[in-house]
Amino acid sequence: MDLTKPLDPPFSRGDVHYEAELALLVGETLTHATMDEAERGIVGIGLAMDLTLRDIQTTLKEKGHPWEIAKAFDGACPLSPFLPLSRVPNWNALAFTLEIDGEERQHGEGADMIFAIPSLVAEMSRHFTLEPGDVILTGTPSGVGELVRGSSLRLTLTGGLEINTSVVE
């Protein structure tokens, strides 16, 4: 799903929560990659809106069931266009924000991540092969919350990416 188009999650299934995240685009096969190989294997960076059907997730958790259906539904993870890495000075200088109706709700910086991006990608490649076209979400900063019909969203990323979109009424 395209993050530049209005979001239309299945509100009929209960509360929908948002998580803004960095999205990495893999450009070459990575398996047991070194940090340098992992860094070279990332060809683009963008933003994702990782959506969760929170009521369904809560019910499934209470029953001890897996809750992937709360995360894997049509339109669950809209992505922005990807910027080439040449637009990003370095991983630690990365910053992204999510504003909802003009209020900043989430702000994340590469320097604040628990694991540096190349380290994260290298570690993933030790457990499973990453293929060209794979997209990796890196986790979300604080500030997740409920998505509300009719809201206006603005997402920005270092390097000149700005997305203005909305949630359907």
N, C-alpha and C. Protein backbone atom coordinates (compact mmCIF):
# COMPACT_ATOMS: atom_id res chain seq x y z
N MET A 1 0.85 -1.18 0.00
CA MET A 1 0.00 0.00 0.00
C MET A 1 0.89 1.24 0.00
N ASP A 2 0.43 2.27 -0.62
CA ASP A 2 1.17 3.51 -0.84
C ASP A 2 0.83 4.52 0.26
N LEU A 3 1.84 4.93 1.02
CA LEU A 3 1.64 5.87 2.12
C LEU A 3 1.23 7.26 1.64
N THR A 4 1.44 7.55 0.36
CA THR A 4 1.05 8.87 -0.15
C THR A 4 -0.45 8.96 -0.43
N LYS A 5 -1.14 7.84 -0.39
CA LYS A 5 -2.59 7.83 -0.61
C LYS A 5 -3.30 7.78 0.75
N PRO A 6 -4.55 8.25 0.83
CA PRO A 6 -5.27 8.20 2.10
C PRO A 6 -5.32 6.78 2.67
N LEU A 7 -5.15 6.70 3.99
CA LEU A 7 -5.19 5.41 4.68
C LEU A 7 -6.65 5.01 4.90
N ASP A 8 -6.95 3.75 4.65
CA ASP A 8 -8.32 3.25 4.78
C ASP A 8 -8.30 1.90 5.50
N PRO A 9 -7.89 1.90 6.78
CA PRO A 9 -7.82 0.63 7.50
C PRO A 9 -9.22 0.13 7.86
N PRO A 10 -9.34 -1.13 8.25
CA PRO A 10 -10.65 -1.71 8.55
C PRO A 10 -11.15 -1.33 9.95
N PHE A 11 -11.61 -0.09 10.10
CA PHE A 11 -12.12 0.37 11.39
C PHE A 11 -13.28 -0.47 11.88
N SER A 12 -13.97 -1.16 10.98
CA SER A 12 -15.09 -2.02 11.38
C SER A 12 -14.63 -3.17 12.27
N ARG A 13 -13.33 -3.42 12.30
CA ARG A 13 -12.79 -4.53 13.10
C ARG A 13 -12.27 -4.06 14.46
N GLY A 14 -12.45 -2.77 14.79
CA GLY A 14 -12.03 -2.26 16.10
C GLY A 14 -10.99 -1.16 15.95
N ASP A 15 -10.39 -0.80 17.10
CA ASP A 15 -9.39 0.26 17.12
C ASP A 15 -8.19 -0.10 16.26
N VAL A 16 -7.71 0.91 15.53
CA VAL A 16 -6.51 0.76 14.70
C VAL A 16 -5.45 1.69 15.28
N HIS A 17 -4.28 1.15 15.58
CA HIS A 17 -3.19 1.95 16.13
C HIS A 17 -2.08 2.08 15.10
N TYR A 18 -1.36 3.20 15.18
CA TYR A 18 -0.27 3.52 14.24
C TYR A 18 1.08 3.39 14.93
N GLU A 19 2.08 3.09 14.13
CA GLU A 19 3.49 3.13 14.53
C GLU A 19 4.27 3.60 13.31
N ALA A 20 4.84 4.79 13.37
CA ALA A 20 5.70 5.27 12.28
C ALA A 20 7.07 4.62 12.45
N GLU A 21 7.64 4.13 11.35
CA GLU A 21 8.93 3.43 11.41
C GLU A 21 9.77 3.74 10.19
N LEU A 22 11.09 3.64 10.36
CA LEU A 22 12.00 3.67 9.21
C LEU A 22 11.83 2.38 8.43
N ALA A 23 11.88 2.48 7.12
CA ALA A 23 11.80 1.31 6.24
C ALA A 23 13.06 1.27 5.40
N LEU A 24 13.73 0.12 5.40
CA LEU A 24 14.96 -0.07 4.63
C LEU A 24 14.67 -0.96 3.44
N LEU A 25 15.15 -0.58 2.28
CA LEU A 25 14.98 -1.37 1.06
C LEU A 25 16.28 -2.12 0.78
N VAL A 26 16.18 -3.45 0.75
CA VAL A 26 17.34 -4.30 0.48
C VAL A 26 17.55 -4.38 -1.03
N GLY A 27 18.81 -4.25 -1.46
CA GLY A 27 19.11 -4.24 -2.89
C GLY A 27 19.92 -5.41 -3.39
N GLU A 28 20.43 -6.22 -2.46
CA GLU A 28 21.19 -7.40 -2.88
C GLU A 28 21.00 -8.51 -1.87
N THR A 29 21.26 -9.74 -2.27
CA THR A 29 21.12 -10.88 -1.38
C THR A 29 22.13 -10.77 -0.25
N LEU A 30 21.63 -10.90 0.97
CA LEU A 30 22.49 -10.84 2.16
C LEU A 30 22.25 -12.08 3.00
N THR A 31 23.32 -12.82 3.24
CA THR A 31 23.26 -13.95 4.15
C THR A 31 24.57 -13.99 4.92
N HIS A 32 24.48 -14.06 6.23
CA HIS A 32 25.67 -13.99 7.10
C HIS A 32 26.54 -12.80 6.72
N ALA A 33 25.92 -11.65 6.52
CA ALA A 33 26.62 -10.45 6.06
C ALA A 33 27.43 -9.82 7.18
N THR A 34 28.56 -9.24 6.80
CA THR A 34 29.31 -8.39 7.71
C THR A 34 28.56 -7.06 7.81
N MET A 35 28.98 -6.21 8.73
CA MET A 35 28.32 -4.90 8.84
C MET A 35 28.54 -4.10 7.57
N ASP A 36 29.73 -4.17 6.98
CA ASP A 36 29.99 -3.44 5.73
C ASP A 36 29.12 -3.97 4.60
N GLU A 37 29.00 -5.29 4.49
CA GLU A 37 28.15 -5.88 3.45
C GLU A 37 26.69 -5.49 3.66
N ALA A 38 26.26 -5.50 4.92
CA ALA A 38 24.88 -5.13 5.23
C ALA A 38 24.62 -3.68 4.84
N GLU A 39 25.56 -2.81 5.15
CA GLU A 39 25.38 -1.40 4.81
C GLU A 39 25.32 -1.19 3.30
N ARG A 40 26.18 -1.88 2.57
CA ARG A 40 26.17 -1.78 1.11
C ARG A 40 24.92 -2.41 0.50
N GLY A 41 24.32 -3.37 1.20
CA GLY A 41 23.14 -4.06 0.69
C GLY A 41 21.85 -3.29 0.82
N ILE A 42 21.87 -2.20 1.59
CA ILE A 42 20.69 -1.35 1.73
C ILE A 42 20.75 -0.29 0.65
N VAL A 43 19.73 -0.23 -0.20
CA VAL A 43 19.77 0.71 -1.33
C VAL A 43 18.79 1.86 -1.20
N GLY A 44 17.92 1.80 -0.21
CA GLY A 44 16.96 2.89 -0.05
C GLY A 44 16.44 2.96 1.36
N ILE A 45 15.97 4.15 1.71
CA ILE A 45 15.38 4.35 3.03
C ILE A 45 14.11 5.17 2.86
N GLY A 46 13.09 4.76 3.59
CA GLY A 46 11.81 5.44 3.53
C GLY A 46 11.10 5.34 4.86
N LEU A 47 9.80 5.53 4.82
CA LEU A 47 8.99 5.47 6.02
C LEU A 47 7.86 4.47 5.83
N ALA A 48 7.44 3.89 6.94
CA ALA A 48 6.32 2.96 6.94
C ALA A 48 5.36 3.37 8.05
N MET A 49 4.11 3.08 7.84
CA MET A 49 3.11 3.25 8.88
C MET A 49 2.63 1.84 9.22
N ASP A 50 3.17 1.28 10.29
CA ASP A 50 2.86 -0.08 10.72
C ASP A 50 1.57 -0.01 11.55
N LEU A 51 0.49 -0.53 11.00
CA LEU A 51 -0.82 -0.45 11.64
C LEU A 51 -1.16 -1.75 12.36
N THR A 52 -1.89 -1.62 13.46
CA THR A 52 -2.27 -2.77 14.28
C THR A 52 -3.75 -2.69 14.61
N LEU A 53 -4.45 -3.79 14.45
CA LEU A 53 -5.83 -3.91 14.94
C LEU A 53 -5.74 -4.23 16.42
N ARG A 54 -5.74 -3.18 17.25
CA ARG A 54 -5.40 -3.33 18.66
C ARG A 54 -6.40 -4.19 19.43
N ASP A 55 -7.69 -4.06 19.18
CA ASP A 55 -8.67 -4.88 19.90
C ASP A 55 -8.46 -6.36 19.60
N ILE A 56 -8.22 -6.68 18.35
CA ILE A 56 -7.97 -8.07 17.96
C ILE A 56 -6.67 -8.57 18.59
N GLN A 57 -5.63 -7.74 18.57
CA GLN A 57 -4.36 -8.12 19.18
C GLN A 57 -4.53 -8.42 20.67
N THR A 58 -5.25 -7.56 21.37
CA THR A 58 -5.46 -7.74 22.81
C THR A 58 -6.19 -9.05 23.09
N THR A 59 -7.25 -9.33 22.34
CA THR A 59 -8.01 -10.57 22.52
C THR A 59 -7.13 -11.79 22.27
N LEU A 60 -6.36 -11.76 21.21
CA LEU A 60 -5.49 -12.90 20.89
C LEU A 60 -4.41 -13.09 21.95
N LYS A 61 -3.83 -12.00 22.43
CA LYS A 61 -2.81 -12.09 23.48
C LYS A 61 -3.39 -12.71 24.75
N GLU A 62 -4.59 -12.26 25.12
CA GLU A 62 -5.24 -12.79 26.32
C GLU A 62 -5.46 -14.30 26.23
N LYS A 63 -5.69 -14.80 25.04
CA LYS A 63 -5.91 -16.23 24.83
C LYS A 63 -4.60 -16.99 24.63
N GLY A 64 -3.48 -16.27 24.60
CA GLY A 64 -2.20 -16.91 24.36
C GLY A 64 -2.00 -17.33 22.92
N HIS A 65 -2.77 -16.74 22.02
CA HIS A 65 -2.69 -17.08 20.59
C HIS A 65 -1.70 -16.15 19.88
N PRO A 66 -1.17 -16.61 18.77
CA PRO A 66 -0.36 -15.70 17.95
C PRO A 66 -1.25 -14.56 17.46
N TRP A 67 -0.68 -13.39 17.29
CA TRP A 67 -1.51 -12.24 16.91
C TRP A 67 -1.13 -11.62 15.58
N GLU A 68 -0.61 -12.46 14.68
CA GLU A 68 -0.22 -11.91 13.37
C GLU A 68 -1.41 -11.36 12.58
N ILE A 69 -2.63 -11.89 12.79
CA ILE A 69 -3.76 -11.34 12.03
C ILE A 69 -4.09 -9.91 12.46
N ALA A 70 -3.62 -9.50 13.63
CA ALA A 70 -3.80 -8.11 14.06
C ALA A 70 -2.82 -7.17 13.35
N LYS A 71 -1.79 -7.75 12.74
CA LYS A 71 -0.76 -6.96 12.04
C LYS A 71 -0.77 -7.20 10.54
N ALA A 72 -1.39 -8.28 10.09
CA ALA A 72 -1.31 -8.67 8.68
C ALA A 72 -2.70 -8.64 8.06
N PHE A 73 -3.11 -7.45 7.66
CA PHE A 73 -4.40 -7.29 7.00
C PHE A 73 -4.19 -6.36 5.81
N ASP A 74 -5.13 -6.34 4.89
CA ASP A 74 -4.99 -5.48 3.72
C ASP A 74 -4.77 -4.04 4.16
N GLY A 75 -3.72 -3.42 3.66
CA GLY A 75 -3.41 -2.04 3.99
C GLY A 75 -2.69 -1.86 5.31
N ALA A 76 -2.17 -2.94 5.90
CA ALA A 76 -1.58 -2.88 7.23
C ALA A 76 -0.25 -2.15 7.30
N CYS A 77 0.43 -1.99 6.18
CA CYS A 77 1.77 -1.40 6.25
C CYS A 77 2.06 -0.55 5.02
N PRO A 78 1.41 0.61 4.91
CA PRO A 78 1.71 1.47 3.77
C PRO A 78 3.14 2.00 3.85
N LEU A 79 3.78 2.10 2.69
CA LEU A 79 5.17 2.54 2.59
C LEU A 79 5.27 3.81 1.77
N SER A 80 6.26 4.62 2.12
CA SER A 80 6.57 5.82 1.33
C SER A 80 7.45 5.42 0.16
N PRO A 81 7.68 6.35 -0.75
CA PRO A 81 8.76 6.12 -1.72
C PRO A 81 10.09 6.01 -0.95
N PHE A 82 11.06 5.36 -1.55
CA PHE A 82 12.37 5.21 -0.92
C PHE A 82 13.35 6.24 -1.47
N LEU A 83 14.13 6.83 -0.57
CA LEU A 83 15.19 7.75 -0.96
C LEU A 83 16.47 6.96 -1.19
N PRO A 84 17.29 7.37 -2.15
CA PRO A 84 18.61 6.74 -2.27
C PRO A 84 19.46 7.13 -1.06
N LEU A 85 20.35 6.26 -0.68
CA LEU A 85 21.17 6.53 0.51
C LEU A 85 22.06 7.74 0.34
N SER A 86 22.33 8.15 -0.88
CA SER A 86 23.14 9.35 -1.10
C SER A 86 22.48 10.59 -0.50
N ARG A 87 21.18 10.53 -0.23
CA ARG A 87 20.46 11.66 0.36
C ARG A 87 20.55 11.68 1.88
N VAL A 88 21.14 10.63 2.45
CA VAL A 88 21.24 10.52 3.91
C VAL A 88 22.71 10.62 4.29
N PRO A 89 23.10 11.65 5.06
CA PRO A 89 24.53 11.85 5.35
C PRO A 89 25.17 10.69 6.12
N ASN A 90 24.49 10.18 7.12
CA ASN A 90 24.95 8.99 7.85
C ASN A 90 23.79 8.49 8.70
N TRP A 91 23.90 7.24 9.12
CA TRP A 91 22.80 6.60 9.85
C TRP A 91 22.43 7.37 11.11
N ASN A 92 23.44 7.83 11.85
CA ASN A 92 23.16 8.52 13.11
C ASN A 92 22.47 9.86 12.90
N ALA A 93 22.62 10.44 11.72
CA ALA A 93 22.00 11.74 11.44
C ALA A 93 20.54 11.61 10.98
N LEU A 94 20.08 10.39 10.79
CA LEU A 94 18.68 10.18 10.37
C LEU A 94 17.71 10.68 11.43
N ALA A 95 16.65 11.31 10.99
CA ALA A 95 15.57 11.69 11.89
C ALA A 95 14.26 11.61 11.13
N PHE A 96 13.21 11.20 11.82
CA PHE A 96 11.89 11.18 11.20
C PHE A 96 10.84 11.60 12.22
N THR A 97 9.75 12.14 11.70
CA THR A 97 8.66 12.57 12.57
C THR A 97 7.32 12.17 11.96
N LEU A 98 6.36 12.02 12.84
CA LEU A 98 4.96 11.85 12.46
C LEU A 98 4.18 12.93 13.19
N GLU A 99 3.46 13.74 12.42
CA GLU A 99 2.53 14.71 13.00
C GLU A 99 1.12 14.28 12.61
N ILE A 100 0.22 14.39 13.58
CA ILE A 100 -1.19 14.11 13.32
C ILE A 100 -1.98 15.37 13.66
N ASP A 101 -2.69 15.87 12.68
CA ASP A 101 -3.45 17.11 12.83
C ASP A 101 -2.57 18.23 13.40
N GLY A 102 -1.33 18.32 12.90
CA GLY A 102 -0.42 19.39 13.27
C GLY A 102 0.34 19.19 14.57
N GLU A 103 0.11 18.09 15.27
CA GLU A 103 0.78 17.82 16.54
C GLU A 103 1.78 16.69 16.37
N GLU A 104 3.04 16.93 16.79
CA GLU A 104 4.04 15.87 16.69
C GLU A 104 3.69 14.74 17.65
N ARG A 105 3.56 13.55 17.11
CA ARG A 105 3.23 12.37 17.91
C ARG A 105 4.42 11.43 18.07
N GLN A 106 5.27 11.37 17.03
CA GLN A 106 6.44 10.50 17.11
C GLN A 106 7.63 11.21 16.50
N HIS A 107 8.78 10.99 17.12
CA HIS A 107 10.05 11.51 16.59
C HIS A 107 11.12 10.47 16.90
N GLY A 108 11.86 10.09 15.88
CA GLY A 108 12.92 9.11 16.06
C GLY A 108 14.20 9.58 15.40
N GLU A 109 15.32 9.17 15.96
CA GLU A 109 16.63 9.52 15.41
C GLU A 109 17.50 8.28 15.35
N GLY A 110 18.29 8.18 14.29
CA GLY A 110 19.20 7.05 14.14
C GLY A 110 20.15 6.91 15.32
N ALA A 111 20.59 8.03 15.87
CA ALA A 111 21.54 8.00 16.98
C ALA A 111 20.92 7.39 18.24
N ASP A 112 19.60 7.38 18.34
CA ASP A 112 18.92 6.86 19.53
C ASP A 112 18.51 5.40 19.41
N MET A 113 18.77 4.79 18.27
CA MET A 113 18.36 3.40 18.08
C MET A 113 19.20 2.47 18.95
N ILE A 114 18.58 1.42 19.46
CA ILE A 114 19.29 0.45 20.30
C ILE A 114 20.40 -0.22 19.50
N PHE A 115 20.12 -0.58 18.26
CA PHE A 115 21.12 -1.19 17.38
C PHE A 115 21.30 -0.30 16.16
N ALA A 116 22.54 -0.06 15.78
CA ALA A 116 22.82 0.69 14.55
C ALA A 116 22.23 -0.07 13.37
N ILE A 117 21.77 0.65 12.37
CA ILE A 117 21.10 0.01 11.23
C ILE A 117 21.95 -1.07 10.57
N PRO A 118 23.23 -0.84 10.24
CA PRO A 118 24.01 -1.92 9.63
C PRO A 118 24.11 -3.15 10.54
N SER A 119 24.22 -2.93 11.84
CA SER A 119 24.30 -4.04 12.78
C SER A 119 22.99 -4.84 12.79
N LEU A 120 21.88 -4.14 12.77
CA LEU A 120 20.56 -4.78 12.74
C LEU A 120 20.41 -5.65 11.50
N VAL A 121 20.77 -5.10 10.34
CA VAL A 121 20.64 -5.84 9.08
C VAL A 121 21.59 -7.04 9.05
N ALA A 122 22.82 -6.85 9.51
CA ALA A 122 23.79 -7.96 9.55
C ALA A 122 23.27 -9.08 10.44
N GLU A 123 22.74 -8.73 11.60
CA GLU A 123 22.22 -9.74 12.53
C GLU A 123 21.04 -10.49 11.91
N MET A 124 20.15 -9.78 11.26
CA MET A 124 19.02 -10.45 10.60
C MET A 124 19.52 -11.45 9.57
N SER A 125 20.55 -11.06 8.81
CA SER A 125 21.06 -11.93 7.74
C SER A 125 21.73 -13.18 8.28
N ARG A 126 22.05 -13.20 9.56
CA ARG A 126 22.62 -14.41 10.17
C ARG A 126 21.54 -15.46 10.42
N HIS A 127 20.28 -15.01 10.48
CA HIS A 127 19.17 -15.91 10.80
C HIS A 127 18.33 -16.29 9.59
N PHE A 128 18.30 -15.42 8.59
CA PHE A 128 17.58 -15.72 7.34
C PHE A 128 18.13 -14.83 6.24
N THR A 129 18.02 -15.32 5.03
CA THR A 129 18.54 -14.60 3.87
C THR A 129 17.62 -13.44 3.52
N LEU A 130 18.23 -12.29 3.29
CA LEU A 130 17.51 -11.11 2.81
C LEU A 130 17.70 -11.03 1.31
N GLU A 131 16.63 -10.76 0.59
CA GLU A 131 16.65 -10.74 -0.87
C GLU A 131 16.37 -9.33 -1.40
N PRO A 132 16.84 -9.04 -2.61
CA PRO A 132 16.52 -7.74 -3.21
C PRO A 132 15.00 -7.51 -3.22
N GLY A 133 14.62 -6.32 -2.81
CA GLY A 133 13.20 -5.98 -2.73
C GLY A 133 12.60 -6.17 -1.35
N ASP A 134 13.29 -6.91 -0.47
CA ASP A 134 12.80 -7.04 0.91
C ASP A 134 12.80 -5.67 1.57
N VAL A 135 11.84 -5.47 2.45
CA VAL A 135 11.75 -4.23 3.22
C VAL A 135 11.85 -4.59 4.69
N ILE A 136 12.70 -3.87 5.41
CA ILE A 136 12.92 -4.09 6.83
C ILE A 136 12.39 -2.87 7.58
N LEU A 137 11.52 -3.09 8.57
CA LEU A 137 11.10 -2.02 9.46
C LEU A 137 11.97 -2.09 10.70
N THR A 138 12.40 -0.93 11.18
CA THR A 138 13.43 -0.90 12.23
C THR A 138 12.89 -0.71 13.63
N GLY A 139 11.59 -0.60 13.80
CA GLY A 139 11.03 -0.36 15.13
C GLY A 139 10.53 1.07 15.24
N THR A 140 9.78 1.32 16.28
CA THR A 140 9.10 2.61 16.40
C THR A 140 9.52 3.34 17.66
N PRO A 141 9.60 4.65 17.61
CA PRO A 141 9.85 5.42 18.84
C PRO A 141 8.56 5.52 19.66
N SER A 142 8.65 6.10 20.83
CA SER A 142 7.46 6.28 21.66
C SER A 142 6.45 7.17 20.95
N GLY A 143 5.22 7.09 21.40
CA GLY A 143 4.19 7.94 20.84
C GLY A 143 3.15 7.23 20.00
N VAL A 144 3.17 5.88 19.99
CA VAL A 144 2.16 5.16 19.22
C VAL A 144 0.78 5.44 19.81
N GLY A 145 -0.23 5.33 18.99
CA GLY A 145 -1.57 5.59 19.49
C GLY A 145 -2.63 5.23 18.48
N GLU A 146 -3.85 5.60 18.82
CA GLU A 146 -5.00 5.25 17.98
C GLU A 146 -5.10 6.16 16.76
N LEU A 147 -5.36 5.55 15.62
CA LEU A 147 -5.59 6.27 14.38
C LEU A 147 -7.08 6.65 14.34
N VAL A 148 -7.36 7.90 14.01
CA VAL A 148 -8.73 8.40 14.04
C VAL A 148 -9.16 8.80 12.63
N ARG A 149 -10.38 8.41 12.27
CA ARG A 149 -10.93 8.78 10.96
C ARG A 149 -10.85 10.29 10.76
N GLY A 150 -10.50 10.69 9.52
CA GLY A 150 -10.45 12.10 9.16
C GLY A 150 -9.19 12.84 9.57
N SER A 151 -8.27 12.17 10.22
CA SER A 151 -7.02 12.83 10.66
C SER A 151 -6.14 13.16 9.47
N SER A 152 -5.37 14.23 9.61
CA SER A 152 -4.34 14.60 8.63
C SER A 152 -2.99 14.15 9.17
N LEU A 153 -2.19 13.52 8.31
CA LEU A 153 -0.88 13.00 8.72
C LEU A 153 0.22 13.67 7.92
N ARG A 154 1.31 13.99 8.60
CA ARG A 154 2.51 14.50 7.93
C ARG A 154 3.69 13.71 8.47
N LEU A 155 4.41 13.06 7.57
CA LEU A 155 5.60 12.30 7.94
C LEU A 155 6.79 12.91 7.22
N THR A 156 7.90 13.06 7.93
CA THR A 156 9.11 13.61 7.33
C THR A 156 10.30 12.72 7.68
N LEU A 157 11.29 12.74 6.79
CA LEU A 157 12.52 11.98 6.96
C LEU A 157 13.68 12.81 6.45
N THR A 158 14.78 12.79 7.21
CA THR A 158 16.01 13.43 6.77
C THR A 158 16.29 13.07 5.32
N GLY A 159 16.72 14.02 4.54
CA GLY A 159 17.04 13.76 3.15
C GLY A 159 15.99 14.30 2.20
N GLY A 160 14.93 14.87 2.76
CA GLY A 160 13.96 15.55 1.92
C GLY A 160 12.66 14.82 1.67
N LEU A 161 12.39 13.74 2.39
CA LEU A 161 11.12 13.05 2.19
C LEU A 161 10.05 13.69 3.08
N GLU A 162 8.95 14.07 2.47
CA GLU A 162 7.80 14.60 3.21
C GLU A 162 6.54 14.01 2.60
N ILE A 163 5.73 13.40 3.44
CA ILE A 163 4.48 12.78 3.02
C ILE A 163 3.34 13.48 3.75
N ASN A 164 2.38 13.96 3.00
CA ASN A 164 1.15 14.51 3.57
C ASN A 164 0.01 13.64 3.08
N THR A 165 -0.69 13.05 4.03
CA THR A 165 -1.79 12.15 3.69
C THR A 165 -2.88 12.30 4.73
N SER A 166 -3.86 11.44 4.67
CA SER A 166 -4.98 11.53 5.60
C SER A 166 -5.54 10.14 5.86
N VAL A 167 -6.44 10.10 6.82
CA VAL A 167 -7.18 8.88 7.12
C VAL A 167 -8.60 9.11 6.62
N VAL A 168 -9.15 8.13 5.91
CA VAL A 168 -10.50 8.30 5.36
C VAL A 168 -11.50 8.56 6.48
N GLU A 169 -12.58 9.26 6.12
CA GLU A 169 -13.66 9.55 7.09
C GLU A 169 -14.40 8.29 7.45
